[in-house]
Amino acid sequence: MKIGSGELVAGLISGANRDPARYRDPDRLDIRRDDGGSISFASGIHSCIGIAMARLEAQIAIGRFTRRFPSARLIDENPDIEPSALPLTRGYKRIRVAV
């Protein structure tokens, strides 16, 4: 893709970790993914101040869920992604799970 002189270019945070040239199957939800580093929380002096809290909350929530429902499995391999009301985020409309 060629970007012409004077054209607007915008980097979207919602695109983090979704580059198929860098990440294997970037549209698939995989909490065990290890493709060489997440850029979701930025890095260096621009690193998100809430990174530790977000990771801890995710570990607790997912850990408790999997301990309570050890045989849980995704019903849909590709959950529906629904645009958010916020311009730079995206989220899942639903993630159907059998427990």
PDB file of N, CA and C in Angstrom:
ATOM      1  N   MET A   1       0.847  -1.169   0.000  1.00  0.00           N
ATOM      2  CA  MET A   1       0.000   0.000   0.000  1.00  0.00           C
ATOM      3  C   MET A   1       0.893   1.232   0.000  1.00  0.00           C
ATOM      4  N   LYS A   2       0.604   2.163  -0.873  1.00  0.00           N
ATOM      5  CA  LYS A   2       1.368   3.399  -0.957  1.00  0.00           C
ATOM      6  C   LYS A   2       0.533   4.532  -0.355  1.00  0.00           C
ATOM      7  N   ILE A   3       1.159   5.309   0.511  1.00  0.00           N
ATOM      8  CA  ILE A   3       0.480   6.448   1.137  1.00  0.00           C
ATOM      9  C   ILE A   3       0.961   7.704   0.428  1.00  0.00           C
ATOM     10  N   GLY A   4       0.009   8.430  -0.115  1.00  0.00           N
ATOM     11  CA  GLY A   4       0.346   9.616  -0.878  1.00  0.00           C
ATOM     12  C   GLY A   4       0.602  10.832  -0.005  1.00  0.00           C
ATOM     13  N   SER A   5       1.269  11.801  -0.559  1.00  0.00           N
ATOM     14  CA  SER A   5       1.549  13.048   0.140  1.00  0.00           C
ATOM     15  C   SER A   5       0.244  13.718   0.569  1.00  0.00           C
ATOM     16  N   GLY A   6       0.181  14.145   1.830  1.00  0.00           N
ATOM     17  CA  GLY A   6      -0.993  14.837   2.346  1.00  0.00           C
ATOM     18  C   GLY A   6      -2.113  13.929   2.833  1.00  0.00           C
ATOM     19  N   GLU A   7      -1.952  12.610   2.647  1.00  0.00           N
ATOM     20  CA  GLU A   7      -2.998  11.690   3.117  1.00  0.00           C
ATOM     21  C   GLU A   7      -2.900  11.504   4.623  1.00  0.00           C
ATOM     22  N   LEU A   8      -4.056  11.323   5.259  1.00  0.00           N
ATOM     23  CA  LEU A   8      -4.126  11.117   6.696  1.00  0.00           C
ATOM     24  C   LEU A   8      -3.841   9.658   7.035  1.00  0.00           C
ATOM     25  N   VAL A   9      -3.004   9.446   8.042  1.00  0.00           N
ATOM     26  CA  VAL A   9      -2.688   8.111   8.524  1.00  0.00           C
ATOM     27  C   VAL A   9      -2.987   8.095  10.013  1.00  0.00           C
ATOM     28  N   ALA A  10      -3.708   7.085  10.481  1.00  0.00           N
ATOM     29  CA  ALA A  10      -4.036   6.974  11.904  1.00  0.00           C
ATOM     30  C   ALA A  10      -3.682   5.584  12.400  1.00  0.00           C
ATOM     31  N   GLY A  11      -2.950   5.532  13.493  1.00  0.00           N
ATOM     32  CA  GLY A  11      -2.644   4.258  14.138  1.00  0.00           C
ATOM     33  C   GLY A  11      -3.720   3.959  15.157  1.00  0.00           C
ATOM     34  N   LEU A  12      -4.283   2.772  15.133  1.00  0.00           N
ATOM     35  CA  LEU A  12      -5.358   2.424  16.044  1.00  0.00           C
ATOM     36  C   LEU A  12      -4.894   1.420  17.090  1.00  0.00           C
ATOM     37  N   ILE A  13      -5.131   1.747  18.334  1.00  0.00           N
ATOM     38  CA  ILE A  13      -4.773   0.843  19.422  1.00  0.00           C
ATOM     39  C   ILE A  13      -5.495  -0.486  19.269  1.00  0.00           C
ATOM     40  N   SER A  14      -6.695  -0.462  18.747  1.00  0.00           N
ATOM     41  CA  SER A  14      -7.467  -1.698  18.602  1.00  0.00           C
ATOM     42  C   SER A  14      -6.831  -2.666  17.610  1.00  0.00           C
ATOM     43  N   GLY A  15      -5.843  -2.228  16.872  1.00  0.00           N
ATOM     44  CA  GLY A  15      -5.141  -3.106  15.949  1.00  0.00           C
ATOM     45  C   GLY A  15      -3.957  -3.814  16.584  1.00  0.00           C
ATOM     46  N   ALA A  16      -3.663  -3.512  17.849  1.00  0.00           N
ATOM     47  CA  ALA A  16      -2.521  -4.116  18.541  1.00  0.00           C
ATOM     48  C   ALA A  16      -2.637  -5.631  18.524  1.00  0.00           C
ATOM     49  N   ASN A  17      -1.531  -6.278  18.241  1.00  0.00           N
ATOM     50  CA  ASN A  17      -1.433  -7.741  18.247  1.00  0.00           C
ATOM     51  C   ASN A  17      -2.284  -8.411  17.176  1.00  0.00           C
ATOM     52  N   ARG A  18      -2.656  -7.698  16.142  1.00  0.00           N
ATOM     53  CA  ARG A  18      -3.528  -8.270  15.118  1.00  0.00           C
ATOM     54  C   ARG A  18      -2.872  -8.290  13.734  1.00  0.00           C
ATOM     55  N   ASP A  19      -1.573  -8.093  13.680  1.00  0.00           N
ATOM     56  CA  ASP A  19      -0.856  -8.096  12.410  1.00  0.00           C
ATOM     57  C   ASP A  19      -0.568  -9.545  12.013  1.00  0.00           C
ATOM     58  N   PRO A  20      -1.198 -10.040  10.945  1.00  0.00           N
ATOM     59  CA  PRO A  20      -0.993 -11.439  10.569  1.00  0.00           C
ATOM     60  C   PRO A  20       0.445 -11.740  10.132  1.00  0.00           C
ATOM     61  N   ALA A  21       1.222 -10.714   9.800  1.00  0.00           N
ATOM     62  CA  ALA A  21       2.626 -10.942   9.449  1.00  0.00           C
ATOM     63  C   ALA A  21       3.461 -11.225  10.704  1.00  0.00           C
ATOM     64  N   ARG A  22       2.969 -10.827  11.861  1.00  0.00           N
ATOM     65  CA  ARG A  22       3.710 -11.024  13.115  1.00  0.00           C
ATOM     66  C   ARG A  22       3.065 -12.065  14.025  1.00  0.00           C
ATOM     67  N   TYR A  23       1.730 -12.117  14.043  1.00  0.00           N
ATOM     68  CA  TYR A  23       1.018 -12.984  14.971  1.00  0.00           C
ATOM     69  C   TYR A  23       0.243 -14.075  14.236  1.00  0.00           C
ATOM     70  N   ARG A  24       0.432 -15.306  14.688  1.00  0.00           N
ATOM     71  CA  ARG A  24      -0.259 -16.451  14.127  1.00  0.00           C
ATOM     72  C   ARG A  24      -1.751 -16.353  14.439  1.00  0.00           C
ATOM     73  N   ASP A  25      -2.600 -16.440  13.444  1.00  0.00           N
ATOM     74  CA  ASP A  25      -4.056 -16.450  13.607  1.00  0.00           C
ATOM     75  C   ASP A  25      -4.528 -15.318  14.534  1.00  0.00           C
ATOM     76  N   PRO A  26      -4.282 -14.060  14.158  1.00  0.00           N
ATOM     77  CA  PRO A  26      -4.525 -12.925  15.057  1.00  0.00           C
ATOM     78  C   PRO A  26      -5.985 -12.670  15.424  1.00  0.00           C
ATOM     79  N   ASP A  27      -6.935 -13.204  14.665  1.00  0.00           N
ATOM     80  CA  ASP A  27      -8.353 -12.970  14.971  1.00  0.00           C
ATOM     81  C   ASP A  27      -8.931 -14.008  15.927  1.00  0.00           C
ATOM     82  N   ARG A  28      -8.132 -15.006  16.302  1.00  0.00           N
ATOM     83  CA  ARG A  28      -8.614 -16.070  17.182  1.00  0.00           C
ATOM     84  C   ARG A  28      -8.282 -15.746  18.638  1.00  0.00           C
ATOM     85  N   LEU A  29      -9.262 -15.901  19.529  1.00  0.00           N
ATOM     86  CA  LEU A  29      -9.049 -15.708  20.955  1.00  0.00           C
ATOM     87  C   LEU A  29      -8.255 -16.890  21.494  1.00  0.00           C
ATOM     88  N   ASP A  30      -7.046 -16.623  22.016  1.00  0.00           N
ATOM     89  CA  ASP A  30      -6.195 -17.677  22.565  1.00  0.00           C
ATOM     90  C   ASP A  30      -5.454 -17.092  23.755  1.00  0.00           C
ATOM     91  N   ILE A  31      -5.923 -17.396  24.969  1.00  0.00           N
ATOM     92  CA  ILE A  31      -5.310 -16.790  26.154  1.00  0.00           C
ATOM     93  C   ILE A  31      -3.917 -17.351  26.435  1.00  0.00           C
ATOM     94  N   ARG A  32      -3.528 -18.417  25.753  1.00  0.00           N
ATOM     95  CA  ARG A  32      -2.188 -18.977  25.940  1.00  0.00           C
ATOM     96  C   ARG A  32      -1.217 -18.570  24.833  1.00  0.00           C
ATOM     97  N   ARG A  33      -1.641 -17.678  23.976  1.00  0.00           N
ATOM     98  CA  ARG A  33      -0.818 -17.253  22.841  1.00  0.00           C
ATOM     99  C   ARG A  33       0.530 -16.705  23.335  1.00  0.00           C
ATOM    100  N   ASP A  34       1.589 -17.090  22.648  1.00  0.00           N
ATOM    101  CA  ASP A  34       2.917 -16.562  22.962  1.00  0.00           C
ATOM    102  C   ASP A  34       3.668 -16.368  21.649  1.00  0.00           C
ATOM    103  N   ASP A  35       3.310 -15.312  20.950  1.00  0.00           N
ATOM    104  CA  ASP A  35       3.908 -15.036  19.639  1.00  0.00           C
ATOM    105  C   ASP A  35       5.027 -14.003  19.704  1.00  0.00           C
ATOM    106  N   GLY A  36       5.629 -13.833  20.855  1.00  0.00           N
ATOM    107  CA  GLY A  36       6.765 -12.938  20.917  1.00  0.00           C
ATOM    108  C   GLY A  36       6.476 -11.562  21.474  1.00  0.00           C
ATOM    109  N   GLY A  37       5.528 -11.445  22.326  1.00  0.00           N
ATOM    110  CA  GLY A  37       5.326 -10.177  23.011  1.00  0.00           C
ATOM    111  C   GLY A  37       4.091  -9.413  22.596  1.00  0.00           C
ATOM    112  N   SER A  38       3.315  -9.043  23.566  1.00  0.00           N
ATOM    113  CA  SER A  38       2.114  -8.255  23.349  1.00  0.00           C
ATOM    114  C   SER A  38       2.464  -6.769  23.321  1.00  0.00           C
ATOM    115  N   ILE A  39       1.777  -6.019  22.475  1.00  0.00           N
ATOM    116  CA  ILE A  39       1.981  -4.564  22.461  1.00  0.00           C
ATOM    117  C   ILE A  39       0.723  -3.837  22.929  1.00  0.00           C
ATOM    118  N   SER A  40      -0.194  -4.589  23.537  1.00  0.00           N
ATOM    119  CA  SER A  40      -1.473  -4.018  23.969  1.00  0.00           C
ATOM    120  C   SER A  40      -1.332  -2.903  24.995  1.00  0.00           C
ATOM    121  N   PHE A  41      -0.323  -2.970  25.829  1.00  0.00           N
ATOM    122  CA  PHE A  41      -0.160  -1.975  26.887  1.00  0.00           C
ATOM    123  C   PHE A  41       1.001  -1.015  26.611  1.00  0.00           C
ATOM    124  N   ALA A  42       1.464  -0.979  25.376  1.00  0.00           N
ATOM    125  CA  ALA A  42       2.598  -0.137  24.965  1.00  0.00           C
ATOM    126  C   ALA A  42       3.871  -0.607  25.675  1.00  0.00           C
ATOM    127  N   SER A  43       4.890   0.245  25.716  1.00  0.00           N
ATOM    128  CA  SER A  43       6.134  -0.146  26.375  1.00  0.00           C
ATOM    129  C   SER A  43       6.964   1.090  26.726  1.00  0.00           C
ATOM    130  N   GLY A  44       8.004   0.847  27.489  1.00  0.00           N
ATOM    131  CA  GLY A  44       8.899   1.925  27.882  1.00  0.00           C
ATOM    132  C   GLY A  44       8.194   3.003  28.679  1.00  0.00           C
ATOM    133  N   ILE A  45       8.553   4.263  28.429  1.00  0.00           N
ATOM    134  CA  ILE A  45       7.957   5.366  29.184  1.00  0.00           C
ATOM    135  C   ILE A  45       6.490   5.566  28.837  1.00  0.00           C
ATOM    136  N   HIS A  46       6.032   4.935  27.768  1.00  0.00           N
ATOM    137  CA  HIS A  46       4.625   5.054  27.365  1.00  0.00           C
ATOM    138  C   HIS A  46       3.793   3.859  27.819  1.00  0.00           C
ATOM    139  N   SER A  47       4.373   3.005  28.653  1.00  0.00           N
ATOM    140  CA  SER A  47       3.668   1.824  29.134  1.00  0.00           C
ATOM    141  C   SER A  47       2.469   2.224  29.990  1.00  0.00           C
ATOM    142  N   CYS A  48       1.389   1.480  29.836  1.00  0.00           N
ATOM    143  CA  CYS A  48       0.150   1.743  30.576  1.00  0.00           C
ATOM    144  C   CYS A  48       0.378   1.596  32.072  1.00  0.00           C
ATOM    145  N   ILE A  49      -0.051   2.596  32.837  1.00  0.00           N
ATOM    146  CA  ILE A  49       0.135   2.573  34.283  1.00  0.00           C
ATOM    147  C   ILE A  49      -0.702   1.465  34.939  1.00  0.00           C
ATOM    148  N   GLY A  50      -1.757   1.016  34.288  1.00  0.00           N
ATOM    149  CA  GLY A  50      -2.623  -0.010  34.854  1.00  0.00           C
ATOM    150  C   GLY A  50      -2.313  -1.423  34.399  1.00  0.00           C
ATOM    151  N   ILE A  51      -1.159  -1.634  33.771  1.00  0.00           N
ATOM    152  CA  ILE A  51      -0.835  -2.947  33.202  1.00  0.00           C
ATOM    153  C   ILE A  51      -0.843  -4.049  34.255  1.00  0.00           C
ATOM    154  N   ALA A  52      -0.252  -3.817  35.416  1.00  0.00           N
ATOM    155  CA  ALA A  52      -0.194  -4.851  36.452  1.00  0.00           C
ATOM    156  C   ALA A  52      -1.595  -5.197  36.946  1.00  0.00           C
ATOM    157  N   MET A  53      -2.434  -4.195  37.151  1.00  0.00           N
ATOM    158  CA  MET A  53      -3.799  -4.434  37.625  1.00  0.00           C
ATOM    159  C   MET A  53      -4.611  -5.192  36.569  1.00  0.00           C
ATOM    160  N   ALA A  54      -4.489  -4.815  35.311  1.00  0.00           N
ATOM    161  CA  ALA A  54      -5.241  -5.489  34.246  1.00  0.00           C
ATOM    162  C   ALA A  54      -4.829  -6.955  34.138  1.00  0.00           C
ATOM    163  N   ARG A  55      -3.541  -7.224  34.219  1.00  0.00           N
ATOM    164  CA  ARG A  55      -3.071  -8.610  34.127  1.00  0.00           C
ATOM    165  C   ARG A  55      -3.535  -9.429  35.334  1.00  0.00           C
ATOM    166  N   LEU A  56      -3.473  -8.837  36.524  1.00  0.00           N
ATOM    167  CA  LEU A  56      -3.918  -9.529  37.726  1.00  0.00           C
ATOM    168  C   LEU A  56      -5.416  -9.831  37.658  1.00  0.00           C
ATOM    169  N   GLU A  57      -6.217  -8.851  37.230  1.00  0.00           N
ATOM    170  CA  GLU A  57      -7.662  -9.068  37.108  1.00  0.00           C
ATOM    171  C   GLU A  57      -7.961 -10.199  36.122  1.00  0.00           C
ATOM    172  N   ALA A  58      -7.259 -10.216  35.008  1.00  0.00           N
ATOM    173  CA  ALA A  58      -7.478 -11.269  34.012  1.00  0.00           C
ATOM    174  C   ALA A  58      -7.083 -12.631  34.570  1.00  0.00           C
ATOM    175  N   GLN A  59      -5.935 -12.706  35.267  1.00  0.00           N
ATOM    176  CA  GLN A  59      -5.500 -13.976  35.853  1.00  0.00           C
ATOM    177  C   GLN A  59      -6.514 -14.494  36.863  1.00  0.00           C
ATOM    178  N   ILE A  60      -7.024 -13.610  37.707  1.00  0.00           N
ATOM    179  CA  ILE A  60      -8.001 -14.023  38.715  1.00  0.00           C
ATOM    180  C   ILE A  60      -9.300 -14.475  38.060  1.00  0.00           C
ATOM    181  N   ALA A  61      -9.842 -13.660  37.155  1.00  0.00           N
ATOM    182  CA  ALA A  61     -11.130 -13.981  36.523  1.00  0.00           C
ATOM    183  C   ALA A  61     -11.050 -15.271  35.711  1.00  0.00           C
ATOM    184  N   ILE A  62     -10.051 -15.396  34.870  1.00  0.00           N
ATOM    185  CA  ILE A  62      -9.929 -16.583  34.024  1.00  0.00           C
ATOM    186  C   ILE A  62      -9.587 -17.803  34.872  1.00  0.00           C
ATOM    187  N   GLY A  63      -8.711 -17.619  35.868  1.00  0.00           N
ATOM    188  CA  GLY A  63      -8.343 -18.719  36.758  1.00  0.00           C
ATOM    189  C   GLY A  63      -9.535 -19.257  37.528  1.00  0.00           C
ATOM    190  N   ARG A  64     -10.327 -18.383  38.092  1.00  0.00           N
ATOM    191  CA  ARG A  64     -11.515 -18.827  38.846  1.00  0.00           C
ATOM    192  C   ARG A  64     -12.525 -19.519  37.932  1.00  0.00           C
ATOM    193  N   PHE A  65     -12.709 -18.954  36.753  1.00  0.00           N
ATOM    194  CA  PHE A  65     -13.653 -19.561  35.809  1.00  0.00           C
ATOM    195  C   PHE A  65     -13.207 -20.970  35.444  1.00  0.00           C
ATOM    196  N   THR A  66     -11.940 -21.144  35.089  1.00  0.00           N
ATOM    197  CA  THR A  66     -11.465 -22.463  34.648  1.00  0.00           C
ATOM    198  C   THR A  66     -11.419 -23.470  35.791  1.00  0.00           C
ATOM    199  N   ARG A  67     -11.195 -23.017  37.026  1.00  0.00           N
ATOM    200  CA  ARG A  67     -11.248 -23.943  38.163  1.00  0.00           C
ATOM    201  C   ARG A  67     -12.691 -24.368  38.450  1.00  0.00           C
ATOM    202  N   ARG A  68     -13.627 -23.441  38.319  1.00  0.00           N
ATOM    203  CA  ARG A  68     -15.029 -23.765  38.580  1.00  0.00           C
ATOM    204  C   ARG A  68     -15.636 -24.618  37.468  1.00  0.00           C
ATOM    205  N   PHE A  69     -15.219 -24.372  36.233  1.00  0.00           N
ATOM    206  CA  PHE A  69     -15.745 -25.095  35.074  1.00  0.00           C
ATOM    207  C   PHE A  69     -14.584 -25.707  34.282  1.00  0.00           C
ATOM    208  N   PRO A  70     -13.941 -26.747  34.817  1.00  0.00           N
ATOM    209  CA  PRO A  70     -12.748 -27.296  34.168  1.00  0.00           C
ATOM    210  C   PRO A  70     -12.991 -27.886  32.781  1.00  0.00           C
ATOM    211  N   SER A  71     -14.229 -28.268  32.475  1.00  0.00           N
ATOM    212  CA  SER A  71     -14.495 -28.844  31.152  1.00  0.00           C
ATOM    213  C   SER A  71     -15.075 -27.815  30.179  1.00  0.00           C
ATOM    214  N   ALA A  72     -15.037 -26.537  30.557  1.00  0.00           N
ATOM    215  CA  ALA A  72     -15.573 -25.481  29.687  1.00  0.00           C
ATOM    216  C   ALA A  72     -14.852 -25.479  28.343  1.00  0.00           C
ATOM    217  N   ARG A  73     -15.638 -25.200  27.320  1.00  0.00           N
ATOM    218  CA  ARG A  73     -15.044 -25.117  25.972  1.00  0.00           C
ATOM    219  C   ARG A  73     -15.805 -24.083  25.166  1.00  0.00           C
ATOM    220  N   LEU A  74     -15.096 -23.479  24.224  1.00  0.00           N
ATOM    221  CA  LEU A  74     -15.733 -22.519  23.331  1.00  0.00           C
ATOM    222  C   LEU A  74     -16.693 -23.245  22.398  1.00  0.00           C
ATOM    223  N   ILE A  75     -17.851 -22.678  22.198  1.00  0.00           N
ATOM    224  CA  ILE A  75     -18.802 -23.230  21.230  1.00  0.00           C
ATOM    225  C   ILE A  75     -18.458 -22.720  19.841  1.00  0.00           C
ATOM    226  N   ASP A  76     -18.131 -21.436  19.750  1.00  0.00           N
ATOM    227  CA  ASP A  76     -17.753 -20.821  18.475  1.00  0.00           C
ATOM    228  C   ASP A  76     -16.252 -20.603  18.454  1.00  0.00           C
ATOM    229  N   GLU A  77     -15.588 -21.125  17.449  1.00  0.00           N
ATOM    230  CA  GLU A  77     -14.148 -20.898  17.324  1.00  0.00           C
ATOM    231  C   GLU A  77     -13.828 -19.430  17.059  1.00  0.00           C
ATOM    232  N   ASN A  78     -14.727 -18.729  16.394  1.00  0.00           N
ATOM    233  CA  ASN A  78     -14.522 -17.321  16.070  1.00  0.00           C
ATOM    234  C   ASN A  78     -15.688 -16.496  16.604  1.00  0.00           C
ATOM    235  N   PRO A  79     -15.582 -16.012  17.856  1.00  0.00           N
ATOM    236  CA  PRO A  79     -16.679 -15.203  18.412  1.00  0.00           C
ATOM    237  C   PRO A  79     -16.904 -13.942  17.590  1.00  0.00           C
ATOM    238  N   ASP A  80     -18.135 -13.424  17.650  1.00  0.00           N
ATOM    239  CA  ASP A  80     -18.477 -12.201  16.922  1.00  0.00           C
ATOM    240  C   ASP A  80     -17.773 -11.000  17.535  1.00  0.00           C
ATOM    241  N   ILE A  81     -17.076 -10.232  16.715  1.00  0.00           N
ATOM    242  CA  ILE A  81     -16.463  -8.994  17.179  1.00  0.00           C
ATOM    243  C   ILE A  81     -17.419  -7.871  16.830  1.00  0.00           C
ATOM    244  N   GLU A  82     -17.787  -7.095  17.829  1.00  0.00           N
ATOM    245  CA  GLU A  82     -18.735  -6.002  17.633  1.00  0.00           C
ATOM    246  C   GLU A  82     -18.022  -4.677  17.841  1.00  0.00           C
ATOM    247  N   PRO A  83     -18.219  -3.722  16.937  1.00  0.00           N
ATOM    248  CA  PRO A  83     -17.597  -2.409  17.142  1.00  0.00           C
ATOM    249  C   PRO A  83     -18.063  -1.782  18.458  1.00  0.00           C
ATOM    250  N   SER A  84     -17.139  -1.132  19.120  1.00  0.00           N
ATOM    251  CA  SER A  84     -17.447  -0.463  20.382  1.00  0.00           C
ATOM    252  C   SER A  84     -17.998   0.930  20.112  1.00  0.00           C
ATOM    253  N   ALA A  85     -18.683   1.480  21.101  1.00  0.00           N
ATOM    254  CA  ALA A  85     -19.148   2.863  20.996  1.00  0.00           C
ATOM    255  C   ALA A  85     -17.953   3.820  21.067  1.00  0.00           C
ATOM    256  N   LEU A  86     -16.853   3.351  21.660  1.00  0.00           N
ATOM    257  CA  LEU A  86     -15.633   4.157  21.725  1.00  0.00           C
ATOM    258  C   LEU A  86     -14.858   3.977  20.422  1.00  0.00           C
ATOM    259  N   PRO A  87     -14.288   5.042  19.894  1.00  0.00           N
ATOM    260  CA  PRO A  87     -13.695   4.957  18.557  1.00  0.00           C
ATOM    261  C   PRO A  87     -12.438   4.099  18.423  1.00  0.00           C
ATOM    262  N   LEU A  88     -11.679   3.878  19.483  1.00  0.00           N
ATOM    263  CA  LEU A  88     -10.411   3.171  19.337  1.00  0.00           C
ATOM    264  C   LEU A  88     -10.376   1.805  20.009  1.00  0.00           C
ATOM    265  N   THR A  89     -11.523   1.244  20.302  1.00  0.00           N
ATOM    266  CA  THR A  89     -11.547  -0.066  20.953  1.00  0.00           C
ATOM    267  C   THR A  89     -12.455  -1.016  20.190  1.00  0.00           C
ATOM    268  N   ARG A  90     -12.290  -2.276  20.485  1.00  0.00           N
ATOM    269  CA  ARG A  90     -13.178  -3.299  19.922  1.00  0.00           C
ATOM    270  C   ARG A  90     -13.420  -4.327  21.012  1.00  0.00           C
ATOM    271  N   GLY A  91     -14.483  -5.071  20.881  1.00  0.00           N
ATOM    272  CA  GLY A  91     -14.789  -6.071  21.887  1.00  0.00           C
ATOM    273  C   GLY A  91     -15.607  -7.187  21.285  1.00  0.00           C
ATOM    274  N   TYR A  92     -15.788  -8.231  22.053  1.00  0.00           N
ATOM    275  CA  TYR A  92     -16.587  -9.359  21.585  1.00  0.00           C
ATOM    276  C   TYR A  92     -18.049  -9.112  21.909  1.00  0.00           C
ATOM    277  N   LYS A  93     -18.900  -9.327  20.930  1.00  0.00           N
ATOM    278  CA  LYS A  93     -20.334  -9.195  21.125  1.00  0.00           C
ATOM    279  C   LYS A  93     -20.798 -10.280  22.095  1.00  0.00           C
ATOM    280  N   ARG A  94     -20.275 -11.464  21.892  1.00  0.00           N
ATOM    281  CA  ARG A  94     -20.557 -12.576  22.799  1.00  0.00           C
ATOM    282  C   ARG A  94     -19.476 -13.646  22.601  1.00  0.00           C
ATOM    283  N   ILE A  95     -19.225 -14.381  23.663  1.00  0.00           N
ATOM    284  CA  ILE A  95     -18.348 -15.540  23.595  1.00  0.00           C
ATOM    285  C   ILE A  95     -19.149 -16.685  24.198  1.00  0.00           C
ATOM    286  N   ARG A  96     -19.639 -17.571  23.345  1.00  0.00           N
ATOM    287  CA  ARG A  96     -20.478 -18.683  23.812  1.00  0.00           C
ATOM    288  C   ARG A  96     -19.591 -19.816  24.307  1.00  0.00           C
ATOM    289  N   VAL A  97     -19.886 -20.258  25.536  1.00  0.00           N
ATOM    290  CA  VAL A  97     -19.097 -21.295  26.194  1.00  0.00           C
ATOM    291  C   VAL A  97     -20.018 -22.385  26.710  1.00  0.00           C
ATOM    292  N   ALA A  98     -19.641 -23.627  26.519  1.00  0.00           N
ATOM    293  CA  ALA A  98     -20.378 -24.754  27.094  1.00  0.00           C
ATOM    294  C   ALA A  98     -19.680 -25.141  28.387  1.00  0.00           C
ATOM    295  N   VAL A  99     -20.477 -25.250  29.462  1.00  0.00           N
ATOM    296  CA  VAL A  99     -19.898 -25.628  30.764  1.00  0.00           C
ATOM    297  C   VAL A  99     -20.555 -26.901  31.289  1.00  0.00           C
TER     298      VAL A  99
END
